[in-house]
N, C-alpha and C. Protein backbone atom coordinates (compact mmCIF):
# COMPACT_ATOMS: atom_id res chain seq x y z
N UNK A 1 85.94 116.41 107.23
CA UNK A 1 86.99 116.63 106.21
C UNK A 1 88.23 115.85 106.61
N UNK A 2 88.89 115.22 105.62
CA UNK A 2 90.09 114.44 105.90
C UNK A 2 91.33 115.30 105.69
N UNK A 3 92.22 115.32 106.69
CA UNK A 3 93.45 116.11 106.60
C UNK A 3 94.68 115.24 106.44
N UNK A 4 94.50 113.96 106.25
CA UNK A 4 95.65 113.09 106.08
C UNK A 4 96.32 113.35 104.74
N UNK A 5 97.68 113.38 104.72
CA UNK A 5 98.37 113.63 103.46
C UNK A 5 98.56 112.35 102.66
N UNK A 6 99.10 112.52 101.45
CA UNK A 6 99.49 111.37 100.65
C UNK A 6 98.34 110.45 100.28
N UNK A 7 98.70 109.20 99.98
CA UNK A 7 97.70 108.22 99.57
C UNK A 7 96.76 107.84 100.72
N UNK A 8 97.22 107.98 101.94
CA UNK A 8 96.34 107.67 103.07
C UNK A 8 95.14 108.61 103.09
N UNK A 9 95.38 109.88 102.75
CA UNK A 9 94.28 110.82 102.68
C UNK A 9 93.29 110.44 101.59
N UNK A 10 93.84 110.01 100.46
CA UNK A 10 92.99 109.60 99.34
C UNK A 10 92.16 108.38 99.69
N UNK A 11 92.72 107.51 100.52
CA UNK A 11 92.00 106.30 100.94
C UNK A 11 90.67 106.64 101.59
N UNK A 12 90.63 107.69 102.40
CA UNK A 12 89.41 108.07 103.11
C UNK A 12 88.51 108.98 102.26
N UNK A 13 89.12 109.74 101.35
CA UNK A 13 88.32 110.64 100.51
C UNK A 13 87.65 109.91 99.36
N UNK A 14 88.40 109.01 98.72
CA UNK A 14 87.89 108.31 97.54
C UNK A 14 88.55 106.94 97.47
N UNK A 15 88.00 105.94 98.16
CA UNK A 15 88.62 104.61 98.22
C UNK A 15 88.87 103.99 96.84
N UNK A 16 87.93 104.18 95.91
CA UNK A 16 88.11 103.61 94.58
C UNK A 16 89.32 104.22 93.88
N UNK A 17 89.44 105.54 93.97
CA UNK A 17 90.57 106.22 93.35
C UNK A 17 91.88 105.81 94.03
N UNK A 18 91.81 105.60 95.34
CA UNK A 18 93.00 105.14 96.07
C UNK A 18 93.49 103.81 95.52
N UNK A 19 92.57 102.88 95.32
CA UNK A 19 92.93 101.55 94.80
C UNK A 19 93.55 101.68 93.41
N UNK A 20 92.94 102.52 92.57
CA UNK A 20 93.45 102.70 91.21
C UNK A 20 94.84 103.33 91.23
N UNK A 21 95.00 104.42 91.97
CA UNK A 21 96.27 105.14 92.00
C UNK A 21 97.37 104.27 92.62
N UNK A 22 97.06 103.62 93.74
CA UNK A 22 98.05 102.78 94.40
C UNK A 22 98.47 101.62 93.50
N UNK A 23 97.50 101.01 92.85
CA UNK A 23 97.81 99.89 91.94
C UNK A 23 98.64 100.33 90.75
N UNK A 24 98.27 101.47 90.16
CA UNK A 24 99.01 101.99 89.00
C UNK A 24 100.43 102.36 89.40
N UNK A 25 100.60 103.03 90.54
CA UNK A 25 101.93 103.39 91.00
C UNK A 25 102.80 102.15 91.23
N UNK A 26 102.22 101.16 91.89
CA UNK A 26 102.96 99.94 92.19
C UNK A 26 103.43 99.25 90.91
N UNK A 27 102.53 99.09 89.96
CA UNK A 27 102.88 98.41 88.72
C UNK A 27 103.82 99.24 87.85
N UNK A 28 103.63 100.55 87.84
CA UNK A 28 104.47 101.42 87.03
C UNK A 28 105.89 101.48 87.56
N UNK A 29 106.03 101.59 88.88
CA UNK A 29 107.37 101.57 89.49
C UNK A 29 108.04 100.23 89.28
N UNK A 30 107.26 99.16 89.37
CA UNK A 30 107.81 97.81 89.16
C UNK A 30 108.34 97.66 87.73
N UNK A 31 107.54 98.10 86.77
CA UNK A 31 107.96 97.98 85.36
C UNK A 31 109.18 98.85 85.09
N UNK A 32 109.24 100.01 85.72
CA UNK A 32 110.38 100.92 85.58
C UNK A 32 111.67 100.25 86.04
N UNK A 33 111.63 99.67 87.23
CA UNK A 33 112.83 99.03 87.78
C UNK A 33 113.17 97.74 87.03
N UNK A 34 112.14 97.00 86.63
CA UNK A 34 112.37 95.79 85.83
C UNK A 34 113.08 96.14 84.53
N UNK A 35 112.69 97.24 83.91
CA UNK A 35 113.31 97.65 82.64
C UNK A 35 114.80 97.94 82.85
N UNK A 36 115.14 98.63 83.95
CA UNK A 36 116.56 98.84 84.27
C UNK A 36 117.28 97.49 84.37
N UNK A 37 116.71 96.59 85.19
CA UNK A 37 117.35 95.32 85.47
C UNK A 37 117.49 94.44 84.23
N UNK A 38 116.42 94.33 83.47
CA UNK A 38 116.43 93.47 82.28
C UNK A 38 117.44 93.97 81.24
N UNK A 39 117.46 95.30 81.03
CA UNK A 39 118.37 95.87 80.03
C UNK A 39 119.82 95.67 80.46
N UNK A 40 120.12 95.94 81.73
CA UNK A 40 121.49 95.75 82.21
C UNK A 40 121.91 94.28 82.09
N UNK A 41 121.01 93.38 82.42
CA UNK A 41 121.30 91.94 82.32
C UNK A 41 121.58 91.54 80.87
N UNK A 42 120.76 92.03 79.94
CA UNK A 42 120.93 91.71 78.53
C UNK A 42 122.21 92.34 77.95
N UNK A 43 122.67 93.42 78.57
CA UNK A 43 123.89 94.07 78.11
C UNK A 43 125.15 93.49 78.75
N UNK A 44 124.97 92.46 79.58
CA UNK A 44 126.14 91.75 80.09
C UNK A 44 126.41 91.84 81.57
N UNK A 45 125.54 92.49 82.32
CA UNK A 45 125.75 92.59 83.77
C UNK A 45 124.86 91.58 84.49
N UNK A 46 125.45 90.56 85.14
CA UNK A 46 124.63 89.55 85.82
C UNK A 46 124.10 90.01 87.18
N UNK A 47 124.55 91.19 87.65
CA UNK A 47 124.19 91.64 88.99
C UNK A 47 122.67 91.71 89.22
N UNK A 48 121.90 92.34 88.33
CA UNK A 48 120.45 92.38 88.56
C UNK A 48 119.83 90.98 88.65
N UNK A 49 120.31 90.06 87.83
CA UNK A 49 119.80 88.69 87.86
C UNK A 49 120.14 88.02 89.17
N UNK A 50 121.38 88.23 89.62
CA UNK A 50 121.83 87.63 90.88
C UNK A 50 121.06 88.19 92.07
N UNK A 51 120.63 89.44 91.97
CA UNK A 51 119.86 90.09 93.04
C UNK A 51 118.36 89.85 92.87
N UNK A 52 117.98 89.02 91.89
CA UNK A 52 116.58 88.68 91.62
C UNK A 52 115.75 89.91 91.29
N UNK A 53 116.36 90.84 90.53
CA UNK A 53 115.64 92.05 90.14
C UNK A 53 115.10 91.98 88.71
N UNK A 54 115.53 90.95 87.95
CA UNK A 54 114.94 90.76 86.62
C UNK A 54 113.64 90.01 86.84
N UNK A 55 112.70 90.70 87.43
CA UNK A 55 111.50 90.07 87.97
C UNK A 55 110.36 91.09 87.99
N UNK A 56 109.19 90.66 87.58
CA UNK A 56 108.03 91.55 87.57
C UNK A 56 107.21 91.46 88.85
N UNK A 57 107.74 90.78 89.85
CA UNK A 57 107.09 90.71 91.16
C UNK A 57 107.32 92.04 91.88
N UNK A 58 106.28 92.83 92.15
CA UNK A 58 106.46 94.13 92.80
C UNK A 58 107.22 94.05 94.12
N UNK A 59 107.08 92.95 94.85
CA UNK A 59 107.74 92.83 96.14
C UNK A 59 109.26 92.84 96.02
N UNK A 60 109.77 92.48 94.85
CA UNK A 60 111.21 92.49 94.64
C UNK A 60 111.76 93.90 94.47
N UNK A 61 110.89 94.84 94.20
CA UNK A 61 111.32 96.21 93.89
C UNK A 61 110.90 97.24 94.93
N UNK A 62 110.03 96.86 95.85
CA UNK A 62 109.55 97.82 96.86
C UNK A 62 110.66 98.19 97.83
N UNK A 63 110.73 99.46 98.15
CA UNK A 63 111.63 99.96 99.18
C UNK A 63 110.79 100.33 100.39
N UNK A 64 111.09 99.78 101.57
CA UNK A 64 110.24 100.06 102.75
C UNK A 64 110.05 101.55 103.02
N UNK A 65 111.16 102.31 103.03
CA UNK A 65 111.05 103.74 103.31
C UNK A 65 110.30 104.45 102.20
N UNK A 66 110.59 104.09 100.94
CA UNK A 66 109.91 104.72 99.81
C UNK A 66 108.43 104.46 99.82
N UNK A 67 108.03 103.25 100.24
CA UNK A 67 106.61 102.90 100.31
C UNK A 67 105.90 103.68 101.40
N UNK A 68 106.54 103.80 102.55
CA UNK A 68 105.96 104.56 103.67
C UNK A 68 105.80 106.03 103.27
N UNK A 69 106.82 106.58 102.61
CA UNK A 69 106.75 107.98 102.17
C UNK A 69 105.63 108.18 101.16
N UNK A 70 105.43 107.19 100.29
CA UNK A 70 104.37 107.28 99.30
C UNK A 70 103.00 107.35 99.98
N UNK A 71 102.81 106.52 100.99
CA UNK A 71 101.53 106.49 101.69
C UNK A 71 101.30 107.75 102.52
N UNK A 72 102.35 108.22 103.17
CA UNK A 72 102.22 109.33 104.12
C UNK A 72 102.37 110.70 103.45
N UNK A 73 103.36 110.82 102.55
CA UNK A 73 103.67 112.13 101.99
C UNK A 73 103.18 112.31 100.56
N UNK A 74 102.78 111.22 99.90
CA UNK A 74 102.31 111.35 98.53
C UNK A 74 103.38 111.20 97.49
N UNK A 75 104.63 111.02 97.91
CA UNK A 75 105.71 110.74 96.97
C UNK A 75 106.61 109.68 97.60
N UNK A 76 107.27 108.91 96.75
CA UNK A 76 108.12 107.85 97.27
C UNK A 76 109.03 107.32 96.17
N UNK A 77 109.59 106.16 96.39
CA UNK A 77 110.54 105.61 95.42
C UNK A 77 110.63 104.11 95.59
N UNK A 78 111.11 103.45 94.54
CA UNK A 78 111.33 102.01 94.59
C UNK A 78 112.80 101.75 94.91
N UNK A 79 113.13 100.49 95.10
CA UNK A 79 114.50 100.10 95.41
C UNK A 79 115.35 100.21 94.14
N UNK A 80 116.45 100.99 94.17
CA UNK A 80 117.28 101.12 92.96
C UNK A 80 117.87 99.78 92.53
N UNK A 81 117.97 99.60 91.22
CA UNK A 81 118.57 98.38 90.68
C UNK A 81 120.08 98.54 90.64
N UNK A 82 120.83 97.60 91.25
CA UNK A 82 122.29 97.68 91.20
C UNK A 82 122.81 97.31 89.81
N UNK A 83 123.58 98.20 89.22
CA UNK A 83 124.17 97.96 87.89
C UNK A 83 125.68 98.19 87.99
N UNK A 84 126.45 97.24 87.51
CA UNK A 84 127.90 97.35 87.53
C UNK A 84 128.36 98.03 86.25
N UNK A 85 128.83 99.30 86.34
CA UNK A 85 129.21 100.03 85.12
C UNK A 85 130.39 99.39 84.38
N UNK A 86 131.21 98.63 85.10
CA UNK A 86 132.36 97.98 84.46
C UNK A 86 131.93 96.79 83.61
N UNK A 87 130.74 96.29 83.86
CA UNK A 87 130.21 95.17 83.08
C UNK A 87 129.52 95.64 81.79
N UNK A 88 128.87 96.77 81.87
CA UNK A 88 128.08 97.23 80.72
C UNK A 88 128.76 98.34 79.94
N UNK A 89 129.76 98.98 80.53
CA UNK A 89 130.43 100.08 79.85
C UNK A 89 129.63 101.37 79.91
N UNK A 90 130.21 102.43 79.37
CA UNK A 90 129.60 103.76 79.44
C UNK A 90 128.25 103.81 78.73
N UNK A 91 128.20 103.33 77.48
CA UNK A 91 126.94 103.41 76.74
C UNK A 91 125.95 102.35 77.16
N UNK A 92 126.45 101.22 77.65
CA UNK A 92 125.55 100.23 78.21
C UNK A 92 124.86 100.78 79.44
N UNK A 93 125.62 101.52 80.24
CA UNK A 93 125.04 102.16 81.43
C UNK A 93 123.98 103.18 81.00
N UNK A 94 124.27 103.91 79.94
CA UNK A 94 123.31 104.91 79.45
C UNK A 94 121.98 104.25 79.10
N UNK A 95 122.04 103.15 78.33
CA UNK A 95 120.80 102.51 77.89
C UNK A 95 120.09 101.76 79.01
N UNK A 96 120.87 101.20 79.95
CA UNK A 96 120.25 100.52 81.09
C UNK A 96 119.49 101.51 81.95
N UNK A 97 120.05 102.71 82.10
CA UNK A 97 119.38 103.75 82.88
C UNK A 97 118.19 104.32 82.10
N UNK A 98 118.40 104.56 80.81
CA UNK A 98 117.33 105.13 79.98
C UNK A 98 116.13 104.21 79.88
N UNK A 99 116.35 102.90 80.05
CA UNK A 99 115.26 101.93 79.91
C UNK A 99 114.13 102.20 80.90
N UNK A 100 114.44 102.72 82.08
CA UNK A 100 113.40 102.99 83.08
C UNK A 100 112.39 104.02 82.60
N UNK A 101 112.84 105.27 82.32
CA UNK A 101 111.90 106.27 81.81
C UNK A 101 111.26 105.87 80.48
N UNK A 102 112.03 105.20 79.61
CA UNK A 102 111.47 104.78 78.33
C UNK A 102 110.33 103.78 78.52
N UNK A 103 110.46 102.93 79.54
CA UNK A 103 109.38 101.95 79.80
C UNK A 103 108.11 102.67 80.21
N UNK A 104 108.24 103.73 81.01
CA UNK A 104 107.06 104.50 81.41
C UNK A 104 106.45 105.25 80.24
N UNK A 105 107.29 105.77 79.36
CA UNK A 105 106.78 106.45 78.17
C UNK A 105 106.06 105.46 77.26
N UNK A 106 106.57 104.23 77.19
CA UNK A 106 105.92 103.21 76.37
C UNK A 106 104.53 102.88 76.92
N UNK A 107 104.44 102.73 78.23
CA UNK A 107 103.14 102.45 78.86
C UNK A 107 102.18 103.59 78.58
N UNK A 108 102.67 104.83 78.74
CA UNK A 108 101.82 106.00 78.50
C UNK A 108 101.36 106.05 77.05
N UNK A 109 102.25 105.74 76.12
CA UNK A 109 101.90 105.75 74.70
C UNK A 109 100.83 104.72 74.38
N UNK A 110 101.01 103.50 74.87
CA UNK A 110 100.03 102.44 74.63
C UNK A 110 98.69 102.82 75.23
N UNK A 111 98.72 103.37 76.44
CA UNK A 111 97.49 103.77 77.12
C UNK A 111 96.78 104.88 76.34
N UNK A 112 97.57 105.85 75.85
CA UNK A 112 97.00 106.94 75.07
C UNK A 112 96.35 106.44 73.78
N UNK A 113 96.99 105.48 73.13
CA UNK A 113 96.43 104.92 71.89
C UNK A 113 95.13 104.17 72.17
N UNK A 114 95.10 103.46 73.29
CA UNK A 114 93.88 102.74 73.67
C UNK A 114 92.74 103.74 73.90
N UNK A 115 93.05 104.85 74.57
CA UNK A 115 92.02 105.86 74.83
C UNK A 115 91.53 106.51 73.55
N UNK A 116 92.42 106.65 72.57
CA UNK A 116 92.02 107.27 71.30
C UNK A 116 91.08 106.38 70.49
N UNK A 117 91.26 105.06 70.60
CA UNK A 117 90.43 104.16 69.77
C UNK A 117 89.15 103.72 70.48
N UNK A 118 89.11 103.81 71.80
CA UNK A 118 87.90 103.41 72.51
C UNK A 118 86.78 104.43 72.28
N UNK A 119 85.55 103.97 72.17
CA UNK A 119 84.41 104.90 72.05
C UNK A 119 84.33 105.80 73.28
N UNK A 120 83.93 107.04 73.09
CA UNK A 120 83.87 107.99 74.21
C UNK A 120 82.95 107.50 75.32
N UNK A 121 81.87 106.79 74.96
CA UNK A 121 80.94 106.32 75.99
C UNK A 121 81.56 105.27 76.91
N UNK A 122 82.66 104.68 76.49
CA UNK A 122 83.37 103.72 77.35
C UNK A 122 84.19 104.48 78.40
N UNK A 123 84.66 105.65 78.03
CA UNK A 123 85.52 106.44 78.90
C UNK A 123 84.75 107.42 79.79
N UNK A 124 83.61 107.86 79.31
CA UNK A 124 82.82 108.87 80.03
C UNK A 124 81.41 108.36 80.26
N UNK A 125 80.88 108.62 81.46
CA UNK A 125 79.52 108.22 81.80
C UNK A 125 78.79 109.40 82.42
N UNK A 126 77.49 109.25 82.60
CA UNK A 126 76.69 110.30 83.21
C UNK A 126 76.31 109.87 84.62
N UNK A 127 76.57 110.76 85.59
CA UNK A 127 76.23 110.41 86.98
C UNK A 127 74.76 110.71 87.28
N UNK A 128 74.37 110.48 88.53
CA UNK A 128 72.95 110.64 88.89
C UNK A 128 72.48 112.07 88.77
N UNK A 129 73.44 113.01 88.80
CA UNK A 129 73.07 114.43 88.67
C UNK A 129 73.02 114.86 87.21
N UNK A 130 73.25 113.90 86.31
CA UNK A 130 73.20 114.23 84.90
C UNK A 130 74.47 114.86 84.37
N UNK A 131 75.54 114.79 85.16
CA UNK A 131 76.82 115.38 84.75
C UNK A 131 77.74 114.31 84.17
N UNK A 132 78.55 114.70 83.20
CA UNK A 132 79.51 113.78 82.60
C UNK A 132 80.70 113.59 83.55
N UNK A 133 81.12 112.35 83.70
CA UNK A 133 82.29 112.05 84.51
C UNK A 133 83.00 110.84 83.92
N UNK A 134 84.25 110.66 84.32
CA UNK A 134 85.01 109.52 83.82
C UNK A 134 84.41 108.22 84.35
N UNK A 135 84.30 107.23 83.50
CA UNK A 135 83.89 105.90 83.94
C UNK A 135 85.06 105.24 84.65
N UNK A 136 84.84 104.06 85.19
CA UNK A 136 85.93 103.34 85.84
C UNK A 136 87.06 103.10 84.85
N UNK A 137 86.70 102.69 83.63
CA UNK A 137 87.72 102.44 82.60
C UNK A 137 88.47 103.72 82.26
N UNK A 138 87.72 104.82 82.10
CA UNK A 138 88.35 106.10 81.78
C UNK A 138 89.26 106.58 82.89
N UNK A 139 88.81 106.42 84.14
CA UNK A 139 89.61 106.84 85.29
C UNK A 139 90.89 106.02 85.39
N UNK A 140 90.77 104.70 85.19
CA UNK A 140 91.95 103.83 85.26
C UNK A 140 92.95 104.20 84.17
N UNK A 141 92.46 104.39 82.94
CA UNK A 141 93.37 104.69 81.83
C UNK A 141 94.03 106.06 81.97
N UNK A 142 93.27 107.06 82.41
CA UNK A 142 93.84 108.40 82.56
C UNK A 142 94.86 108.41 83.70
N UNK A 143 94.64 107.59 84.72
CA UNK A 143 95.59 107.49 85.83
C UNK A 143 96.88 106.81 85.37
N UNK A 144 96.75 105.76 84.58
CA UNK A 144 97.93 105.07 84.03
C UNK A 144 98.73 106.03 83.16
N UNK A 145 98.03 106.74 82.29
CA UNK A 145 98.69 107.69 81.39
C UNK A 145 99.42 108.78 82.18
N UNK A 146 98.70 109.44 83.08
CA UNK A 146 99.29 110.54 83.84
C UNK A 146 100.43 110.11 84.73
N UNK A 147 100.25 108.99 85.41
CA UNK A 147 101.29 108.50 86.32
C UNK A 147 102.58 108.18 85.58
N UNK A 148 102.47 107.53 84.44
CA UNK A 148 103.67 107.13 83.72
C UNK A 148 104.36 108.30 83.03
N UNK A 149 103.59 109.28 82.60
CA UNK A 149 104.20 110.50 82.06
C UNK A 149 105.00 111.20 83.16
N UNK A 150 104.39 111.32 84.34
CA UNK A 150 105.06 111.98 85.47
C UNK A 150 106.31 111.21 85.89
N UNK A 151 106.21 109.88 85.98
CA UNK A 151 107.38 109.08 86.37
C UNK A 151 108.52 109.25 85.38
N UNK A 152 108.20 109.23 84.10
CA UNK A 152 109.24 109.36 83.08
C UNK A 152 109.94 110.71 83.16
N UNK A 153 109.15 111.79 83.20
CA UNK A 153 109.72 113.13 83.20
C UNK A 153 110.43 113.42 84.52
N UNK A 154 109.82 113.04 85.64
CA UNK A 154 110.44 113.28 86.95
C UNK A 154 111.80 112.60 87.04
N UNK A 155 111.88 111.36 86.56
CA UNK A 155 113.14 110.63 86.66
C UNK A 155 114.23 111.18 85.76
N UNK A 156 113.87 112.03 84.80
CA UNK A 156 114.86 112.64 83.92
C UNK A 156 115.48 113.90 84.51
N UNK A 157 115.01 114.33 85.67
CA UNK A 157 115.62 115.48 86.34
C UNK A 157 117.06 115.12 86.71
N UNK A 158 118.06 115.92 86.33
CA UNK A 158 119.47 115.55 86.54
C UNK A 158 119.99 115.83 87.96
N UNK A 159 119.29 115.27 88.93
CA UNK A 159 119.72 115.39 90.33
C UNK A 159 119.88 113.98 90.88
N UNK A 160 121.08 113.63 91.39
CA UNK A 160 121.26 112.28 91.96
C UNK A 160 120.28 112.02 93.10
N UNK A 161 119.74 110.82 93.23
CA UNK A 161 120.04 109.61 92.45
C UNK A 161 119.07 109.36 91.29
N UNK A 162 118.38 110.40 90.81
CA UNK A 162 117.42 110.22 89.72
C UNK A 162 118.13 109.81 88.43
N UNK A 163 117.38 109.15 87.55
CA UNK A 163 117.96 108.63 86.32
C UNK A 163 118.62 109.73 85.48
N UNK A 164 118.07 110.92 85.52
CA UNK A 164 118.62 112.01 84.73
C UNK A 164 120.08 112.28 85.02
N UNK A 165 120.49 112.14 86.28
CA UNK A 165 121.90 112.36 86.63
C UNK A 165 122.78 111.26 86.05
N UNK A 166 122.28 110.03 86.01
CA UNK A 166 123.03 108.91 85.45
C UNK A 166 123.18 109.08 83.93
N UNK A 167 122.11 109.52 83.28
CA UNK A 167 122.16 109.72 81.83
C UNK A 167 123.14 110.84 81.48
N UNK A 168 123.04 111.94 82.23
CA UNK A 168 123.93 113.07 81.98
C UNK A 168 125.38 112.68 82.26
N UNK A 169 125.57 111.87 83.31
CA UNK A 169 126.91 111.41 83.64
C UNK A 169 127.51 110.53 82.57
N UNK A 170 126.67 109.72 81.93
CA UNK A 170 127.16 108.86 80.84
C UNK A 170 127.55 109.69 79.62
N UNK A 171 126.81 110.77 79.40
CA UNK A 171 127.09 111.64 78.26
C UNK A 171 128.30 112.55 78.51
N UNK A 172 128.45 112.99 79.77
CA UNK A 172 129.53 113.92 80.13
C UNK A 172 130.30 113.33 81.31
N UNK A 173 131.37 112.56 81.06
CA UNK A 173 132.11 111.88 82.13
C UNK A 173 132.53 112.76 83.31
N UNK A 174 132.98 114.02 83.09
CA UNK A 174 133.32 114.85 84.26
C UNK A 174 132.14 115.04 85.22
N UNK A 175 130.94 115.13 84.66
CA UNK A 175 129.76 115.26 85.51
C UNK A 175 129.50 113.97 86.30
N UNK A 176 129.81 112.83 85.70
CA UNK A 176 129.65 111.56 86.41
C UNK A 176 130.53 111.54 87.64
N UNK A 177 131.77 112.00 87.48
CA UNK A 177 132.68 112.04 88.63
C UNK A 177 132.14 112.98 89.71
N UNK A 178 131.58 114.10 89.29
CA UNK A 178 131.02 115.05 90.25
C UNK A 178 129.82 114.46 90.97
N UNK A 179 128.94 113.77 90.21
CA UNK A 179 127.77 113.12 90.82
C UNK A 179 128.21 112.01 91.78
N UNK A 180 129.22 111.24 91.38
CA UNK A 180 129.72 110.16 92.25
C UNK A 180 130.27 110.71 93.56
N UNK A 181 131.01 111.82 93.46
CA UNK A 181 131.56 112.45 94.67
C UNK A 181 130.44 112.95 95.57
N UNK A 182 129.41 113.51 94.95
CA UNK A 182 128.27 114.00 95.73
C UNK A 182 127.58 112.85 96.45
N UNK A 183 127.34 111.74 95.74
CA UNK A 183 126.64 110.61 96.33
C UNK A 183 127.47 109.87 97.36
N UNK A 184 128.79 110.09 97.35
CA UNK A 184 129.65 109.48 98.37
C UNK A 184 129.41 110.12 99.73
N UNK A 185 128.81 111.31 99.72
CA UNK A 185 128.47 112.00 100.97
C UNK A 185 127.27 111.30 101.60
N UNK A 186 127.37 110.86 102.86
CA UNK A 186 126.25 110.16 103.50
C UNK A 186 124.95 110.97 103.55
N UNK A 187 125.09 112.28 103.46
CA UNK A 187 123.90 113.15 103.52
C UNK A 187 123.34 113.48 102.14
N UNK A 188 123.92 112.91 101.09
CA UNK A 188 123.53 113.29 99.73
C UNK A 188 122.05 113.03 99.45
N UNK A 189 121.55 111.89 99.93
CA UNK A 189 120.15 111.56 99.67
C UNK A 189 119.21 112.58 100.31
N UNK A 190 119.50 112.96 101.55
CA UNK A 190 118.67 113.95 102.23
C UNK A 190 118.76 115.30 101.55
N UNK A 191 119.95 115.65 101.08
CA UNK A 191 120.13 116.92 100.37
C UNK A 191 119.30 116.93 99.09
N UNK A 192 119.36 115.82 98.34
CA UNK A 192 118.60 115.73 97.10
C UNK A 192 117.10 115.79 97.36
N UNK A 193 116.66 115.08 98.41
CA UNK A 193 115.24 115.09 98.76
C UNK A 193 114.78 116.51 99.11
N UNK A 194 115.59 117.22 99.89
CA UNK A 194 115.26 118.58 100.28
C UNK A 194 115.20 119.49 99.05
N UNK A 195 116.16 119.29 98.14
CA UNK A 195 116.23 120.12 96.94
C UNK A 195 115.02 119.89 96.04
N UNK A 196 114.68 118.61 95.82
CA UNK A 196 113.59 118.28 94.89
C UNK A 196 112.22 118.58 95.46
N UNK A 197 112.00 118.21 96.73
CA UNK A 197 110.65 118.29 97.28
C UNK A 197 110.35 119.55 98.09
N UNK A 198 111.38 120.39 98.26
CA UNK A 198 111.13 121.64 98.97
C UNK A 198 111.62 122.85 98.17
N UNK A 199 112.91 122.91 97.87
CA UNK A 199 113.45 124.07 97.16
C UNK A 199 112.88 124.19 95.75
N UNK A 200 112.85 123.07 95.02
CA UNK A 200 112.40 123.09 93.63
C UNK A 200 111.00 122.52 93.45
N UNK A 201 110.28 122.37 94.53
CA UNK A 201 108.97 121.72 94.45
C UNK A 201 108.02 122.41 93.49
N UNK A 202 107.92 123.74 93.56
CA UNK A 202 106.96 124.45 92.71
C UNK A 202 107.33 124.38 91.23
N UNK A 203 108.59 124.71 90.84
CA UNK A 203 108.91 124.62 89.41
C UNK A 203 108.81 123.20 88.86
N UNK A 204 109.20 122.21 89.67
CA UNK A 204 109.08 120.82 89.22
C UNK A 204 107.62 120.44 89.09
N UNK A 205 106.82 120.84 90.07
CA UNK A 205 105.39 120.55 90.02
C UNK A 205 104.72 121.20 88.81
N UNK A 206 105.10 122.45 88.52
CA UNK A 206 104.55 123.14 87.36
C UNK A 206 104.93 122.44 86.06
N UNK A 207 106.19 122.01 85.99
CA UNK A 207 106.66 121.31 84.79
C UNK A 207 105.90 120.00 84.59
N UNK A 208 105.75 119.23 85.66
CA UNK A 208 105.06 117.95 85.56
C UNK A 208 103.59 118.15 85.19
N UNK A 209 102.95 119.16 85.78
CA UNK A 209 101.55 119.44 85.46
C UNK A 209 101.38 119.85 84.01
N UNK A 210 102.31 120.65 83.50
CA UNK A 210 102.24 121.09 82.11
C UNK A 210 102.35 119.91 81.15
N UNK A 211 103.33 119.03 81.41
CA UNK A 211 103.52 117.86 80.54
C UNK A 211 102.33 116.92 80.64
N UNK A 212 101.83 116.72 81.86
CA UNK A 212 100.69 115.83 82.06
C UNK A 212 99.44 116.37 81.36
N UNK A 213 99.19 117.66 81.51
CA UNK A 213 98.02 118.26 80.86
C UNK A 213 98.13 118.20 79.34
N UNK A 214 99.35 118.36 78.83
CA UNK A 214 99.57 118.25 77.39
C UNK A 214 99.22 116.84 76.91
N UNK A 215 99.66 115.84 77.68
CA UNK A 215 99.35 114.45 77.32
C UNK A 215 97.85 114.20 77.36
N UNK A 216 97.18 114.74 78.38
CA UNK A 216 95.72 114.57 78.49
C UNK A 216 95.01 115.22 77.30
N UNK A 217 95.54 116.36 76.86
CA UNK A 217 94.88 117.08 75.75
C UNK A 217 94.95 116.30 74.45
N UNK A 218 95.90 115.39 74.35
CA UNK A 218 96.05 114.61 73.12
C UNK A 218 95.02 113.48 73.02
N UNK A 219 94.46 113.09 74.16
CA UNK A 219 93.53 111.96 74.14
C UNK A 219 92.09 112.37 74.40
N UNK A 220 91.87 113.61 74.86
CA UNK A 220 90.50 114.09 75.11
C UNK A 220 90.19 115.30 74.24
C-alpha cells in the first residue's frame, strides 16, 4: 500500500491518472494566470507583458514552492501575475482578477458540452471484469471538468491572496485597504494557508465536492 501524499502518491497508485491529473492541473493553472495577464495587459497595464506573463508557456507561471506543495501535499499554487492597479483602475483590476476564475469556468463549460455531445461509448468502456468504467477520453474530460470547476470556485474564496479577496476589494474599497494591510504582514501567507487548509479545510472541501458533483451530474 502506498502512503505517499499528494500527486506523488497518485504516481505509484495509478500512473495513468497521475499523468492526466498533473497535465490538467498544469495547463489549467497556466490558462488561469495567462487570463489574468492578458486581460490586465489589454486594459492598459504593461507589467504582465514586461514580466513575460502574457504567455501560455507553463514554465513562465510555475512557482517552485507551489509546485513542490502540489506534488507532496496535493495542493499548490502558480506564480501570481503582477498587476499595477494604478494602470488599470478599480474596475480594470476587477476584470483582470475575474478573468482567472472565468477562464476556468469557460474550460469547464466547453468540456461539459463536449461530454454531452460525445456518444456514451466514447466516454465509458467495459473492463475485463465486465464492469463499466471511464475510458481514457472520459477520464481525461471528467478530470478537466472537475479540476477547472474546483479552481474557479476555490479562487473565489475571499481570503488573501486568493482572487476572491481582490474581487471583493474592488467592489468594497474599505475591504481592499483591510486586505492590503493584512498582506503587508510578512506572516500573512502562512496565516492564510493555515486558515484555508487546516481551520476551514472541511467546509471548503465539502463546498468544492458539492459543486463538483453538481457539475458531474449535468454531464452524466
